Every structure is written in structure tokens, then in C-alpha cells.
């Protein structure tokens, strides 16, 4: 398995790492975006409170990365950077 890059501040959580490991297209899209953009996705995934919402964010991140989106849409951005 190839190394999967983290964001600037946020590290990849195990559940999202599993998705990137199992989906070559999503992993390639992930590696093609900047560390700041990866950080935005990771913060967006981790910023929710409910597990159902987190699962939805992970599913949506996978799909949108494969569509070529570089950052989560309609989100104000990571406050941690």
C-alpha cells in the first residue's frame, strides 16, 4: 500500500483512510490536491458531531474527490490553520 498524505494540521482518520485505501480513483484525486485542500476535507469530515453525518461526509468526500472537486463546497473552511 502506498503512503497516503495528511493535511497541514489534520491527520487522516482511520475510517477515511480505509476509503482512500480501497478506492484507487479517490486516492489519486486525494494525492493530486494540495496539503491545504486535504486539510479542508479532513476538518470538514471531523467537524461534525453525529456519526451519521460523519459517514455522509466521508461518502460525499469520496464521490466529490472523484468528480474533481478540490475542496468541500459550501463550508467556511478549517478554523485550525
C-alpha atoms as a PDB file:
ATOM      1  CA  UNK A   1       0.000   0.000   0.000  1.00  0.00           C
ATOM      2  CA  UNK A   2       1.257   3.464  -0.855  1.00  0.00           C
ATOM      3  CA  UNK A   3       1.553   6.214   1.719  1.00  0.00           C
ATOM      4  CA  UNK A   4      -1.496   8.447   1.951  1.00  0.00           C
ATOM      5  CA  UNK A   5      -0.781  12.129   2.594  1.00  0.00           C
ATOM      6  CA  UNK A   6      -2.233  14.058   5.541  1.00  0.00           C
ATOM      7  CA  UNK A   7      -3.406  17.638   5.643  1.00  0.00           C
ATOM      8  CA  UNK A   8      -1.459  20.561   7.083  1.00  0.00           C
ATOM      9  CA  UNK A   9      -2.961  20.293  10.565  1.00  0.00           C
ATOM     10  CA  UNK A  10      -5.270  17.296  10.429  1.00  0.00           C
ATOM     11  CA  UNK A  11      -4.230  13.654  10.131  1.00  0.00           C
ATOM     12  CA  UNK A  12      -6.307  11.143   8.195  1.00  0.00           C
ATOM     13  CA  UNK A  13      -8.716   9.309  10.497  1.00  0.00           C
ATOM     14  CA  UNK A  14      -8.895   5.517  10.168  1.00  0.00           C
ATOM     15  CA  UNK A  15     -12.371   5.441   8.615  1.00  0.00           C
ATOM     16  CA  UNK A  16     -11.425   7.851   5.815  1.00  0.00           C
ATOM     17  CA  UNK A  17      -8.034   6.153   5.336  1.00  0.00           C
ATOM     18  CA  UNK A  18      -9.894   2.904   4.695  1.00  0.00           C
ATOM     19  CA  UNK A  19     -11.937   4.598   1.949  1.00  0.00           C
ATOM     20  CA  UNK A  20      -8.845   6.049   0.290  1.00  0.00           C
ATOM     21  CA  UNK A  21      -7.033   2.731   0.540  1.00  0.00           C
ATOM     22  CA  UNK A  22      -9.885   0.832  -1.089  1.00  0.00           C
ATOM     23  CA  UNK A  23     -10.655   3.312  -3.901  1.00  0.00           C
ATOM     24  CA  UNK A  24      -7.776   3.987  -6.297  1.00  0.00           C
ATOM     25  CA  UNK A  25      -9.512   6.877  -8.090  1.00  0.00           C
ATOM     26  CA  UNK A  26     -10.343   8.646  -4.828  1.00  0.00           C
ATOM     27  CA  UNK A  27      -6.777   8.104  -3.558  1.00  0.00           C
ATOM     28  CA  UNK A  28      -5.265   9.504  -6.772  1.00  0.00           C
ATOM     29  CA  UNK A  29      -7.541  12.563  -6.561  1.00  0.00           C
ATOM     30  CA  UNK A  30      -6.565  12.957  -2.889  1.00  0.00           C
ATOM     31  CA  UNK A  31      -2.869  12.921  -3.694  1.00  0.00           C
ATOM     32  CA  UNK A  32      -3.408  15.447  -6.514  1.00  0.00           C
ATOM     33  CA  UNK A  33      -4.781  18.187  -4.239  1.00  0.00           C
ATOM     34  CA  UNK A  34      -2.683  20.493  -2.071  1.00  0.00           C
ATOM     35  CA  UNK A  35      -1.988  19.847   1.613  1.00  0.00           C
ATOM     36  CA  UNK A  36      -4.232  22.821   2.474  1.00  0.00           C
ATOM     37  CA  UNK A  37      -7.077  21.359   0.416  1.00  0.00           C
ATOM     38  CA  UNK A  38      -6.597  17.950   2.098  1.00  0.00           C
ATOM     39  CA  UNK A  39      -6.718  19.746   5.434  1.00  0.00           C
ATOM     40  CA  UNK A  40     -10.064  21.323   4.483  1.00  0.00           C
ATOM     41  CA  UNK A  41     -11.569  17.918   3.631  1.00  0.00           C
ATOM     42  CA  UNK A  42     -10.281  16.354   6.858  1.00  0.00           C
ATOM     43  CA  UNK A  43     -11.535  19.167   9.058  1.00  0.00           C
ATOM     44  CA  UNK A  44     -14.897  19.089   7.267  1.00  0.00           C
ATOM     45  CA  UNK A  45     -15.172  15.342   7.973  1.00  0.00           C
ATOM     46  CA  UNK A  46     -14.097  15.676  11.611  1.00  0.00           C
ATOM     47  CA  UNK A  47     -16.070  18.821  12.472  1.00  0.00           C
ATOM     48  CA  UNK A  48     -19.443  17.089  12.765  1.00  0.00           C
ATOM     49  CA  UNK A  49     -20.952  15.722  15.972  1.00  0.00           C
ATOM     50  CA  UNK A  50     -23.125  12.835  14.791  1.00  0.00           C
ATOM     51  CA  UNK A  51     -21.744   9.577  13.388  1.00  0.00           C
ATOM     52  CA  UNK A  52     -24.439   9.579  10.695  1.00  0.00           C
ATOM     53  CA  UNK A  53     -23.301  12.990   9.479  1.00  0.00           C
ATOM     54  CA  UNK A  54     -19.666  11.904   9.559  1.00  0.00           C
ATOM     55  CA  UNK A  55     -20.476   8.831   7.455  1.00  0.00           C
ATOM     56  CA  UNK A  56     -22.310  11.080   4.994  1.00  0.00           C
ATOM     57  CA  UNK A  57     -19.338  13.469   4.807  1.00  0.00           C
ATOM     58  CA  UNK A  58     -16.947  10.590   4.131  1.00  0.00           C
ATOM     59  CA  UNK A  59     -19.195   9.202   1.401  1.00  0.00           C
ATOM     60  CA  UNK A  60     -19.596  12.642  -0.138  1.00  0.00           C
ATOM     61  CA  UNK A  61     -15.840  13.378   0.057  1.00  0.00           C
ATOM     62  CA  UNK A  62     -15.110  10.155  -1.795  1.00  0.00           C
ATOM     63  CA  UNK A  63     -17.601  10.943  -4.548  1.00  0.00           C
ATOM     64  CA  UNK A  64     -16.661  14.605  -4.898  1.00  0.00           C
ATOM     65  CA  UNK A  65     -12.927  13.934  -4.997  1.00  0.00           C
ATOM     66  CA  UNK A  66     -13.550  11.501  -7.848  1.00  0.00           C
ATOM     67  CA  UNK A  67     -15.602  14.199  -9.608  1.00  0.00           C
ATOM     68  CA  UNK A  68     -12.591  16.503  -9.426  1.00  0.00           C
ATOM     69  CA  UNK A  69     -13.663  18.777  -6.591  1.00  0.00           C
ATOM     70  CA  UNK A  70     -10.695  20.067  -4.678  1.00  0.00           C
ATOM     71  CA  UNK A  71     -12.395  21.370  -1.513  1.00  0.00           C
ATOM     72  CA  UNK A  72     -15.700  20.779   0.282  1.00  0.00           C
ATOM     73  CA  UNK A  73     -18.416  23.006  -1.125  1.00  0.00           C
ATOM     74  CA  UNK A  74     -20.402  25.483   0.934  1.00  0.00           C
ATOM     75  CA  UNK A  75     -18.216  25.274   4.038  1.00  0.00           C
ATOM     76  CA  UNK A  76     -16.453  28.224   5.634  1.00  0.00           C
ATOM     77  CA  UNK A  77     -13.148  26.370   5.932  1.00  0.00           C
ATOM     78  CA  UNK A  78     -10.917  24.932   8.608  1.00  0.00           C
ATOM     79  CA  UNK A  79     -10.559  27.218  11.635  1.00  0.00           C
ATOM     80  CA  UNK A  80      -7.411  25.312  12.726  1.00  0.00           C
ATOM     81  CA  UNK A  81      -4.965  26.524  10.099  1.00  0.00           C
END
